[in-house]
Each structure stands twice: as structure tokens, then as C-alpha cells.
PDB file of N, CA and C in Angstrom:
ATOM      1  N   UNK A   1     -16.109 -10.976 -18.272  1.00  0.00           N
ATOM      2  CA  UNK A   1     -15.078 -10.043 -17.830  1.00  0.00           C
ATOM      3  C   UNK A   1     -14.538 -10.522 -16.487  1.00  0.00           C
ATOM      4  N   UNK A   2     -13.223 -10.482 -16.340  1.00  0.00           N
ATOM      5  CA  UNK A   2     -12.552 -10.895 -15.108  1.00  0.00           C
ATOM      6  C   UNK A   2     -11.889  -9.671 -14.471  1.00  0.00           C
ATOM      7  N   UNK A   3     -11.408  -9.877 -13.244  1.00  0.00           N
ATOM      8  CA  UNK A   3     -10.627  -8.826 -12.567  1.00  0.00           C
ATOM      9  C   UNK A   3      -9.220  -9.330 -12.342  1.00  0.00           C
ATOM     10  N   UNK A   4      -8.298  -8.462 -12.629  1.00  0.00           N
ATOM     11  CA  UNK A   4      -6.885  -8.778 -12.460  1.00  0.00           C
ATOM     12  C   UNK A   4      -6.243  -7.693 -11.603  1.00  0.00           C
ATOM     13  N   UNK A   5      -5.420  -8.115 -10.657  1.00  0.00           N
ATOM     14  CA  UNK A   5      -4.627  -7.176  -9.866  1.00  0.00           C
ATOM     15  C   UNK A   5      -3.268  -7.020 -10.542  1.00  0.00           C
ATOM     16  N   UNK A   6      -2.814  -5.785 -10.662  1.00  0.00           N
ATOM     17  CA  UNK A   6      -1.508  -5.498 -11.265  1.00  0.00           C
ATOM     18  C   UNK A   6      -0.566  -5.051 -10.153  1.00  0.00           C
ATOM     19  N   UNK A   7       0.591  -5.694 -10.110  1.00  0.00           N
ATOM     20  CA  UNK A   7       1.617  -5.380  -9.113  1.00  0.00           C
ATOM     21  C   UNK A   7       2.859  -4.862  -9.827  1.00  0.00           C
ATOM     22  N   UNK A   8       3.449  -3.804  -9.275  1.00  0.00           N
ATOM     23  CA  UNK A   8       4.677  -3.246  -9.832  1.00  0.00           C
ATOM     24  C   UNK A   8       5.653  -2.944  -8.704  1.00  0.00           C
ATOM     25  N   UNK A   9       6.930  -2.959  -9.059  1.00  0.00           N
ATOM     26  CA  UNK A   9       7.956  -2.577  -8.090  1.00  0.00           C
ATOM     27  C   UNK A   9       7.919  -1.067  -7.891  1.00  0.00           C
ATOM     28  N   UNK A  10       8.103  -0.601  -6.668  1.00  0.00           N
ATOM     29  CA  UNK A  10       8.220   0.842  -6.462  1.00  0.00           C
ATOM     30  C   UNK A  10       9.495   1.360  -7.130  1.00  0.00           C
ATOM     31  N   UNK A  11       9.447   2.601  -7.574  1.00  0.00           N
ATOM     32  CA  UNK A  11      10.598   3.184  -8.288  1.00  0.00           C
ATOM     33  C   UNK A  11      11.877   3.166  -7.472  1.00  0.00           C
ATOM     34  N   UNK A  12      11.764   3.200  -6.149  1.00  0.00           N
ATOM     35  CA  UNK A  12      12.961   3.219  -5.304  1.00  0.00           C
ATOM     36  C   UNK A  12      13.541   1.820  -5.055  1.00  0.00           C
ATOM     37  N   UNK A  13      12.924   0.792  -5.614  1.00  0.00           N
ATOM     38  CA  UNK A  13      13.420  -0.569  -5.415  1.00  0.00           C
ATOM     39  C   UNK A  13      14.810  -0.754  -6.011  1.00  0.00           C
ATOM     40  N   UNK A  14      15.640  -1.483  -5.295  1.00  0.00           N
ATOM     41  CA  UNK A  14      16.992  -1.749  -5.789  1.00  0.00           C
ATOM     42  C   UNK A  14      16.978  -2.709  -6.980  1.00  0.00           C
ATOM     43  N   UNK A  15      15.847  -3.366  -7.228  1.00  0.00           N
ATOM     44  CA  UNK A  15      15.747  -4.331  -8.329  1.00  0.00           C
ATOM     45  C   UNK A  15      15.239  -3.713  -9.629  1.00  0.00           C
ATOM     46  N   UNK A  16      14.761  -2.498  -9.586  1.00  0.00           N
ATOM     47  CA  UNK A  16      14.073  -1.891 -10.733  1.00  0.00           C
ATOM     48  C   UNK A  16      14.939  -1.862 -11.994  1.00  0.00           C
ATOM     49  N   UNK A  17      16.216  -1.611 -11.863  1.00  0.00           N
ATOM     50  CA  UNK A  17      17.087  -1.503 -13.042  1.00  0.00           C
ATOM     51  C   UNK A  17      17.366  -2.854 -13.696  1.00  0.00           C
ATOM     52  N   UNK A  18      17.307  -3.934 -12.935  1.00  0.00           N
ATOM     53  CA  UNK A  18      17.623  -5.264 -13.462  1.00  0.00           C
ATOM     54  C   UNK A  18      16.388  -6.064 -13.863  1.00  0.00           C
ATOM     55  N   UNK A  19      15.227  -5.515 -13.658  1.00  0.00           N
ATOM     56  CA  UNK A  19      13.981  -6.247 -13.836  1.00  0.00           C
ATOM     57  C   UNK A  19      13.841  -6.890 -15.210  1.00  0.00           C
ATOM     58  N   UNK A  20      14.212  -6.178 -16.249  1.00  0.00           N
ATOM     59  CA  UNK A  20      14.064  -6.688 -17.622  1.00  0.00           C
ATOM     60  C   UNK A  20      14.906  -7.945 -17.850  1.00  0.00           C
ATOM     61  N   UNK A  21      15.985  -8.086 -17.109  1.00  0.00           N
ATOM     62  CA  UNK A  21      16.912  -9.196 -17.305  1.00  0.00           C
ATOM     63  C   UNK A  21      16.676 -10.369 -16.351  1.00  0.00           C
ATOM     64  N   UNK A  22      15.709 -10.232 -15.468  1.00  0.00           N
ATOM     65  CA  UNK A  22      15.444 -11.271 -14.471  1.00  0.00           C
ATOM     66  C   UNK A  22      14.511 -12.336 -15.033  1.00  0.00           C
ATOM     67  N   UNK A  23      14.705 -13.567 -14.576  1.00  0.00           N
ATOM     68  CA  UNK A  23      13.824 -14.665 -14.973  1.00  0.00           C
ATOM     69  C   UNK A  23      12.547 -14.610 -14.133  1.00  0.00           C
ATOM     70  N   UNK A  24      11.530 -15.350 -14.561  1.00  0.00           N
ATOM     71  CA  UNK A  24      10.282 -15.426 -13.794  1.00  0.00           C
ATOM     72  C   UNK A  24      10.553 -15.960 -12.393  1.00  0.00           C
ATOM     73  N   UNK A  25      11.445 -16.931 -12.278  1.00  0.00           N
ATOM     74  CA  UNK A  25      11.785 -17.501 -10.969  1.00  0.00           C
ATOM     75  C   UNK A  25      12.413 -16.434 -10.064  1.00  0.00           C
ATOM     76  N   UNK A  26      13.315 -15.639 -10.614  1.00  0.00           N
ATOM     77  CA  UNK A  26      13.947 -14.578  -9.822  1.00  0.00           C
ATOM     78  C   UNK A  26      12.913 -13.532  -9.394  1.00  0.00           C
ATOM     79  N   UNK A  27      11.989 -13.216 -10.286  1.00  0.00           N
ATOM     80  CA  UNK A  27      10.943 -12.250  -9.946  1.00  0.00           C
ATOM     81  C   UNK A  27      10.051 -12.808  -8.849  1.00  0.00           C
ATOM     82  N   UNK A  28       9.698 -14.086  -8.928  1.00  0.00           N
ATOM     83  CA  UNK A  28       8.883 -14.711  -7.881  1.00  0.00           C
ATOM     84  C   UNK A  28       9.573 -14.602  -6.524  1.00  0.00           C
ATOM     85  N   UNK A  29      10.895 -14.721  -6.512  1.00  0.00           N
ATOM     86  CA  UNK A  29      11.652 -14.663  -5.257  1.00  0.00           C
ATOM     87  C   UNK A  29      11.628 -13.274  -4.617  1.00  0.00           C
ATOM     88  N   UNK A  30      11.409 -12.230  -5.425  1.00  0.00           N
ATOM     89  CA  UNK A  30      11.353 -10.868  -4.874  1.00  0.00           C
ATOM     90  C   UNK A  30       9.932 -10.296  -4.930  1.00  0.00           C
ATOM     91  N   UNK A  31       8.944 -11.141  -5.199  1.00  0.00           N
ATOM     92  CA  UNK A  31       7.578 -10.656  -5.392  1.00  0.00           C
ATOM     93  C   UNK A  31       7.003  -9.957  -4.164  1.00  0.00           C
ATOM     94  N   UNK A  32       7.548 -10.237  -2.974  1.00  0.00           N
ATOM     95  CA  UNK A  32       7.074  -9.537  -1.784  1.00  0.00           C
ATOM     96  C   UNK A  32       7.479  -8.063  -1.776  1.00  0.00           C
ATOM     97  N   UNK A  33       8.346  -7.666  -2.700  1.00  0.00           N
ATOM     98  CA  UNK A  33       8.758  -6.265  -2.837  1.00  0.00           C
ATOM     99  C   UNK A  33       7.747  -5.450  -3.664  1.00  0.00           C
ATOM    100  N   UNK A  34       6.878  -6.146  -4.373  1.00  0.00           N
ATOM    101  CA  UNK A  34       5.920  -5.500  -5.263  1.00  0.00           C
ATOM    102  C   UNK A  34       4.756  -4.904  -4.479  1.00  0.00           C
ATOM    103  N   UNK A  35       4.106  -3.904  -5.090  1.00  0.00           N
ATOM    104  CA  UNK A  35       2.903  -3.299  -4.529  1.00  0.00           C
ATOM    105  C   UNK A  35       1.775  -3.427  -5.542  1.00  0.00           C
ATOM    106  N   UNK A  36       0.578  -3.694  -5.047  1.00  0.00           N
ATOM    107  CA  UNK A  36      -0.562  -3.689  -5.952  1.00  0.00           C
ATOM    108  C   UNK A  36      -0.852  -2.236  -6.327  1.00  0.00           C
ATOM    109  N   UNK A  37      -0.912  -1.966  -7.622  1.00  0.00           N
ATOM    110  CA  UNK A  37      -1.122  -0.599  -8.085  1.00  0.00           C
ATOM    111  C   UNK A  37      -2.475  -0.397  -8.751  1.00  0.00           C
ATOM    112  N   UNK A  38      -3.108  -1.496  -9.197  1.00  0.00           N
ATOM    113  CA  UNK A  38      -4.388  -1.328  -9.886  1.00  0.00           C
ATOM    114  C   UNK A  38      -5.151  -2.637  -9.969  1.00  0.00           C
ATOM    115  N   UNK A  39      -6.447  -2.499 -10.186  1.00  0.00           N
ATOM    116  CA  UNK A  39      -7.312  -3.607 -10.561  1.00  0.00           C
ATOM    117  C   UNK A  39      -7.810  -3.299 -11.967  1.00  0.00           C
ATOM    118  N   UNK A  40      -7.743  -4.298 -12.830  1.00  0.00           N
ATOM    119  CA  UNK A  40      -8.109  -4.102 -14.232  1.00  0.00           C
ATOM    120  C   UNK A  40      -9.221  -5.077 -14.596  1.00  0.00           C
ATOM    121  N   UNK A  41     -10.250  -4.569 -15.259  1.00  0.00           N
ATOM    122  CA  UNK A  41     -11.311  -5.405 -15.795  1.00  0.00           C
ATOM    123  C   UNK A  41     -10.933  -5.775 -17.218  1.00  0.00           C
ATOM    124  N   UNK A  42     -10.757  -7.076 -17.462  1.00  0.00           N
ATOM    125  CA  UNK A  42     -10.318  -7.548 -18.779  1.00  0.00           C
ATOM    126  C   UNK A  42     -10.723  -9.006 -18.953  1.00  0.00           C
ATOM    127  N   UNK A  43     -10.612  -9.495 -20.179  1.00  0.00           N
ATOM    128  CA  UNK A  43     -10.951 -10.893 -20.464  1.00  0.00           C
ATOM    129  C   UNK A  43      -9.751 -11.817 -20.311  1.00  0.00           C
ATOM    130  N   UNK A  44      -8.574 -11.346 -20.713  1.00  0.00           N
ATOM    131  CA  UNK A  44      -7.378 -12.179 -20.739  1.00  0.00           C
ATOM    132  C   UNK A  44      -6.167 -11.382 -20.253  1.00  0.00           C
ATOM    133  N   UNK A  45      -5.050 -12.074 -20.082  1.00  0.00           N
ATOM    134  CA  UNK A  45      -3.795 -11.398 -19.740  1.00  0.00           C
ATOM    135  C   UNK A  45      -3.384 -10.420 -20.836  1.00  0.00           C
ATOM    136  N   UNK A  46      -3.574 -10.812 -22.087  1.00  0.00           N
ATOM    137  CA  UNK A  46      -3.259  -9.899 -23.194  1.00  0.00           C
ATOM    138  C   UNK A  46      -4.086  -8.625 -23.108  1.00  0.00           C
ATOM    139  N   UNK A  47      -5.356  -8.770 -22.717  1.00  0.00           N
ATOM    140  CA  UNK A  47      -6.217  -7.593 -22.552  1.00  0.00           C
ATOM    141  C   UNK A  47      -5.705  -6.698 -21.420  1.00  0.00           C
ATOM    142  N   UNK A  48      -5.237  -7.307 -20.322  1.00  0.00           N
ATOM    143  CA  UNK A  48      -4.678  -6.520 -19.219  1.00  0.00           C
ATOM    144  C   UNK A  48      -3.496  -5.708 -19.727  1.00  0.00           C
ATOM    145  N   UNK A  49      -2.641  -6.338 -20.511  1.00  0.00           N
ATOM    146  CA  UNK A  49      -1.473  -5.645 -21.063  1.00  0.00           C
ATOM    147  C   UNK A  49      -1.917  -4.463 -21.931  1.00  0.00           C
ATOM    148  N   UNK A  50      -2.895  -4.704 -22.784  1.00  0.00           N
ATOM    149  CA  UNK A  50      -3.386  -3.638 -23.673  1.00  0.00           C
ATOM    150  C   UNK A  50      -4.021  -2.506 -22.880  1.00  0.00           C
ATOM    151  N   UNK A  51      -4.927  -2.847 -21.967  1.00  0.00           N
ATOM    152  CA  UNK A  51      -5.590  -1.821 -21.155  1.00  0.00           C
ATOM    153  C   UNK A  51      -4.558  -1.052 -20.336  1.00  0.00           C
ATOM    154  N   UNK A  52      -3.557  -1.742 -19.810  1.00  0.00           N
ATOM    155  CA  UNK A  52      -2.521  -1.094 -19.010  1.00  0.00           C
ATOM    156  C   UNK A  52      -1.588  -0.212 -19.811  1.00  0.00           C
ATOM    157  N   UNK A  53      -1.695  -0.268 -21.130  1.00  0.00           N
ATOM    158  CA  UNK A  53      -0.851   0.566 -21.994  1.00  0.00           C
ATOM    159  C   UNK A  53      -1.627   1.611 -22.787  1.00  0.00           C
ATOM    160  N   UNK A  54      -2.819   1.253 -23.264  1.00  0.00           N
ATOM    161  CA  UNK A  54      -3.562   2.193 -24.112  1.00  0.00           C
ATOM    162  C   UNK A  54      -4.991   2.451 -23.643  1.00  0.00           C
ATOM    163  N   UNK A  55      -5.416   1.783 -22.568  1.00  0.00           N
ATOM    164  CA  UNK A  55      -6.747   2.024 -22.037  1.00  0.00           C
ATOM    165  C   UNK A  55      -7.788   1.102 -22.635  1.00  0.00           C
ATOM    166  N   UNK A  56      -9.018   1.386 -22.378  1.00  0.00           N
ATOM    167  CA  UNK A  56      -9.550   2.624 -21.813  1.00  0.00           C
ATOM    168  C   UNK A  56      -9.362   2.714 -20.293  1.00  0.00           C
ATOM    169  N   UNK A  57      -9.201   3.923 -19.835  1.00  0.00           N
ATOM    170  CA  UNK A  57      -8.984   4.192 -18.413  1.00  0.00           C
ATOM    171  C   UNK A  57     -10.150   3.698 -17.564  1.00  0.00           C
ATOM    172  N   UNK A  58     -11.333   3.642 -18.136  1.00  0.00           N
ATOM    173  CA  UNK A  58     -12.519   3.206 -17.391  1.00  0.00           C
ATOM    174  C   UNK A  58     -12.423   1.750 -16.928  1.00  0.00           C
ATOM    175  N   UNK A  59     -11.500   0.968 -17.495  1.00  0.00           N
ATOM    176  CA  UNK A  59     -11.319  -0.426 -17.082  1.00  0.00           C
ATOM    177  C   UNK A  59     -10.258  -0.572 -15.994  1.00  0.00           C
ATOM    178  N   UNK A  60      -9.671   0.537 -15.568  1.00  0.00           N
ATOM    179  CA  UNK A  60      -8.596   0.519 -14.563  1.00  0.00           C
ATOM    180  C   UNK A  60      -9.069   1.205 -13.288  1.00  0.00           C
ATOM    181  N   UNK A  61      -8.927   0.509 -12.169  1.00  0.00           N
ATOM    182  CA  UNK A  61      -9.153   1.102 -10.852  1.00  0.00           C
ATOM    183  C   UNK A  61      -7.777   1.231 -10.205  1.00  0.00           C
ATOM    184  N   UNK A  62      -7.235   2.425 -10.209  1.00  0.00           N
ATOM    185  CA  UNK A  62      -5.894   2.652  -9.669  1.00  0.00           C
ATOM    186  C   UNK A  62      -5.954   2.745  -8.145  1.00  0.00           C
ATOM    187  N   UNK A  63      -5.017   2.047  -7.490  1.00  0.00           N
ATOM    188  CA  UNK A  63      -4.933   2.121  -6.030  1.00  0.00           C
ATOM    189  C   UNK A  63      -3.630   2.787  -5.581  1.00  0.00           C
ATOM    190  N   UNK A  64      -2.666   2.883  -6.475  1.00  0.00           N
ATOM    191  CA  UNK A  64      -1.409   3.601  -6.263  1.00  0.00           C
ATOM    192  C   UNK A  64      -0.956   4.108  -7.629  1.00  0.00           C
ATOM    193  N   UNK A  65      -0.026   5.061  -7.663  1.00  0.00           N
ATOM    194  CA  UNK A  65       0.502   5.481  -8.962  1.00  0.00           C
ATOM    195  C   UNK A  65       1.107   4.283  -9.695  1.00  0.00           C
ATOM    196  N   UNK A  66       0.898   4.241 -11.010  1.00  0.00           N
ATOM    197  CA  UNK A  66       1.417   3.115 -11.792  1.00  0.00           C
ATOM    198  C   UNK A  66       1.961   3.624 -13.116  1.00  0.00           C
ATOM    199  N   UNK A  67       2.895   2.839 -13.673  1.00  0.00           N
ATOM    200  CA  UNK A  67       3.365   3.094 -15.024  1.00  0.00           C
ATOM    201  C   UNK A  67       2.674   2.091 -15.933  1.00  0.00           C
ATOM    202  N   UNK A  68       2.881   2.197 -17.224  1.00  0.00           N
ATOM    203  CA  UNK A  68       2.250   1.245 -18.135  1.00  0.00           C
ATOM    204  C   UNK A  68       2.706  -0.173 -17.803  1.00  0.00           C
ATOM    205  N   UNK A  69       1.851  -1.140 -18.085  1.00  0.00           N
ATOM    206  CA  UNK A  69       2.168  -2.544 -17.800  1.00  0.00           C
ATOM    207  C   UNK A  69       3.300  -2.975 -18.721  1.00  0.00           C
ATOM    208  N   UNK A  70       4.354  -3.540 -18.131  1.00  0.00           N
ATOM    209  CA  UNK A  70       5.519  -3.904 -18.928  1.00  0.00           C
ATOM    210  C   UNK A  70       6.234  -5.125 -18.348  1.00  0.00           C
ATOM    211  N   UNK A  71       7.295  -5.525 -19.010  1.00  0.00           N
ATOM    212  CA  UNK A  71       8.081  -6.692 -18.605  1.00  0.00           C
ATOM    213  C   UNK A  71       8.465  -6.569 -17.130  1.00  0.00           C
ATOM    214  N   UNK A  72       8.248  -7.667 -16.399  1.00  0.00           N
ATOM    215  CA  UNK A  72       8.595  -7.702 -14.985  1.00  0.00           C
ATOM    216  C   UNK A  72       7.437  -7.393 -14.062  1.00  0.00           C
ATOM    217  N   UNK A  73       6.345  -6.845 -14.601  1.00  0.00           N
ATOM    218  CA  UNK A  73       5.176  -6.588 -13.775  1.00  0.00           C
ATOM    219  C   UNK A  73       4.464  -7.908 -13.490  1.00  0.00           C
ATOM    220  N   UNK A  74       3.731  -7.945 -12.404  1.00  0.00           N
ATOM    221  CA  UNK A  74       3.011  -9.149 -12.002  1.00  0.00           C
ATOM    222  C   UNK A  74       1.519  -8.899 -12.150  1.00  0.00           C
ATOM    223  N   UNK A  75       0.830  -9.882 -12.736  1.00  0.00           N
ATOM    224  CA  UNK A  75      -0.615  -9.809 -12.921  1.00  0.00           C
ATOM    225  C   UNK A  75      -1.233 -11.023 -12.238  1.00  0.00           C
ATOM    226  N   UNK A  76      -2.191 -10.752 -11.368  1.00  0.00           N
ATOM    227  CA  UNK A  76      -2.864 -11.843 -10.654  1.00  0.00           C
ATOM    228  C   UNK A  76      -4.327 -11.900 -11.075  1.00  0.00           C
ATOM    229  N   UNK A  77      -4.750 -13.069 -11.527  1.00  0.00           N
ATOM    230  CA  UNK A  77      -6.151 -13.316 -11.852  1.00  0.00           C
ATOM    231  C   UNK A  77      -6.881 -13.480 -10.525  1.00  0.00           C
ATOM    232  N   UNK A  78      -7.677 -12.503 -10.160  1.00  0.00           N
ATOM    233  CA  UNK A  78      -8.330 -12.496  -8.853  1.00  0.00           C
ATOM    234  C   UNK A  78      -9.338 -13.630  -8.731  1.00  0.00           C
ATOM    235  N   UNK A  79     -10.015 -13.976  -9.810  1.00  0.00           N
ATOM    236  CA  UNK A  79     -11.036 -15.034  -9.789  1.00  0.00           C
ATOM    237  C   UNK A  79     -10.394 -16.414  -9.657  1.00  0.00           C
ATOM    238  N   UNK A  80      -9.431 -16.723 -10.528  1.00  0.00           N
ATOM    239  CA  UNK A  80      -8.808 -18.052 -10.554  1.00  0.00           C
ATOM    240  C   UNK A  80      -7.617 -18.178  -9.613  1.00  0.00           C
ATOM    241  N   UNK A  81      -7.197 -17.066  -8.990  1.00  0.00           N
ATOM    242  CA  UNK A  81      -6.069 -17.039  -8.066  1.00  0.00           C
ATOM    243  C   UNK A  81      -4.801 -17.623  -8.700  1.00  0.00           C
ATOM    244  N   UNK A  82      -4.544 -17.212  -9.940  1.00  0.00           N
ATOM    245  CA  UNK A  82      -3.300 -17.580 -10.621  1.00  0.00           C
ATOM    246  C   UNK A  82      -2.515 -16.296 -10.858  1.00  0.00           C
ATOM    247  N   UNK A  83      -1.210 -16.410 -10.776  1.00  0.00           N
ATOM    248  CA  UNK A  83      -0.358 -15.231 -10.865  1.00  0.00           C
ATOM    249  C   UNK A  83       0.668 -15.417 -11.964  1.00  0.00           C
ATOM    250  N   UNK A  84       0.896 -14.344 -12.719  1.00  0.00           N
ATOM    251  CA  UNK A  84       1.786 -14.380 -13.877  1.00  0.00           C
ATOM    252  C   UNK A  84       2.707 -13.168 -13.867  1.00  0.00           C
ATOM    253  N   UNK A  85       3.880 -13.341 -14.421  1.00  0.00           N
ATOM    254  CA  UNK A  85       4.776 -12.221 -14.644  1.00  0.00           C
ATOM    255  C   UNK A  85       4.750 -11.917 -16.142  1.00  0.00           C
ATOM    256  N   UNK A  86       4.807 -10.634 -16.465  1.00  0.00           N
ATOM    257  CA  UNK A  86       4.907 -10.240 -17.865  1.00  0.00           C
ATOM    258  C   UNK A  86       6.338 -10.543 -18.299  1.00  0.00           C
ATOM    259  N   UNK A  87       6.476 -11.476 -19.239  1.00  0.00           N
ATOM    260  CA  UNK A  87       7.791 -11.907 -19.726  1.00  0.00           C
ATOM    261  C   UNK A  87       8.143 -11.125 -20.995  1.00  0.00           C
ATOM    262  N   UNK A  88       9.340 -11.319 -21.489  1.00  0.00           N
ATOM    263  CA  UNK A  88       9.739 -10.653 -22.735  1.00  0.00           C
ATOM    264  C   UNK A  88       8.807 -11.033 -23.873  1.00  0.00           C
ATOM    265  N   UNK A  89       8.327 -12.264 -23.857  1.00  0.00           N
ATOM    266  CA  UNK A  89       7.381 -12.750 -24.850  1.00  0.00           C
ATOM    267  C   UNK A  89       6.263 -13.466 -24.111  1.00  0.00           C
ATOM    268  N   UNK A  90       5.141 -12.826 -23.909  1.00  0.00           N
ATOM    269  CA  UNK A  90       4.010 -13.448 -23.248  1.00  0.00           C
ATOM    270  C   UNK A  90       4.061 -13.336 -21.736  1.00  0.00           C
ATOM    271  N   UNK A  91       3.574 -14.383 -21.082  1.00  0.00           N
ATOM    272  CA  UNK A  91       3.433 -14.392 -19.628  1.00  0.00           C
ATOM    273  C   UNK A  91       3.913 -15.735 -19.084  1.00  0.00           C
ATOM    274  N   UNK A  92       4.469 -15.720 -17.870  1.00  0.00           N
ATOM    275  CA  UNK A  92       4.896 -16.956 -17.222  1.00  0.00           C
ATOM    276  C   UNK A  92       4.240 -17.025 -15.854  1.00  0.00           C
ATOM    277  N   UNK A  93       3.647 -18.172 -15.547  1.00  0.00           N
ATOM    278  CA  UNK A  93       2.995 -18.336 -14.252  1.00  0.00           C
ATOM    279  C   UNK A  93       4.049 -18.431 -13.141  1.00  0.00           C
ATOM    280  N   UNK A  94       3.754 -17.780 -12.032  1.00  0.00           N
ATOM    281  CA  UNK A  94       4.651 -17.801 -10.866  1.00  0.00           C
ATOM    282  C   UNK A  94       3.828 -17.986  -9.604  1.00  0.00           C
ATOM    283  N   UNK A  95       4.506 -18.264  -8.516  1.00  0.00           N
ATOM    284  CA  UNK A  95       3.912 -18.263  -7.183  1.00  0.00           C
ATOM    285  C   UNK A  95       4.492 -17.078  -6.434  1.00  0.00           C
ATOM    286  N   UNK A  96       3.624 -16.142  -6.053  1.00  0.00           N
ATOM    287  CA  UNK A  96       4.094 -14.966  -5.325  1.00  0.00           C
ATOM    288  C   UNK A  96       4.422 -15.326  -3.882  1.00  0.00           C
ATOM    289  N   UNK A  97       5.438 -14.659  -3.354  1.00  0.00           N
ATOM    290  CA  UNK A  97       5.755 -14.792  -1.939  1.00  0.00           C
ATOM    291  C   UNK A  97       4.754 -13.971  -1.148  1.00  0.00           C
ATOM    292  N   UNK A  98       4.483 -14.394   0.056  1.00  0.00           N
ATOM    293  CA  UNK A  98       3.605 -13.636   0.932  1.00  0.00           C
ATOM    294  C   UNK A  98       4.390 -12.462   1.528  1.00  0.00           C
ATOM    295  N   UNK A  99       3.769 -11.300   1.565  1.00  0.00           N
ATOM    296  CA  UNK A  99       4.406 -10.144   2.207  1.00  0.00           C
ATOM    297  C   UNK A  99       4.408 -10.342   3.709  1.00  0.00           C
ATOM    298  N   UNK A 100       5.491  -9.956   4.314  1.00  0.00           N
ATOM    299  CA  UNK A 100       5.604 -10.113   5.771  1.00  0.00           C
ATOM    300  C   UNK A 100       5.181  -8.849   6.454  1.00  0.00           C
TER     301      UNK A 100
END
């Protein structure tokens, strides 16, 4: 079992409406706008997606209010320090910007 951090844009973000249409590169460029909302115990990125949508809740440690995991959300593998965006089909690896 691994730990993954889930990052989502706050609802008041000016990018929230366009998120579904943005490329992974564009999302990486605004990744400093994201907030970590949860830590999820899962085996794979697909498992994070499933747990973030249907549970079980016992595998989620919420740190802020969150919506279900969906396109445009960022998932970071805490162990391997790799970061991915949820794409329309699967996941794409990105490099997150550092928050200032």
C-alpha cells in the first residue's frame, strides 16, 4: 500500500471552469494554485481514482474539503515523489510548480 496526496483547485479559482479542457502542461503551469485536500492509501493511481470516487472512506485522510477525484486533479505519489494529473483518459506525469 502506498500513500498519495490529492490536490484540487479551490472552487473560487479562475481556472476551475476551463480545467477539463486544459492540457497536462497547462495544468503543471498553474499547479501552484492547487491545494492538497487529502492523503489516500492505495496501490495504484487507478486505485486512488476509485477510492476518491466510491471509497472506502477509511482509505482517505481529508485535510480540506474535497470533491470526487476527477479530470484536472493532481495526484502525487508520496513515496516515489512522482506527480500526475488526472487526464481525460488515464494519467499524465507532470512537474508541479513550487508554491510561493
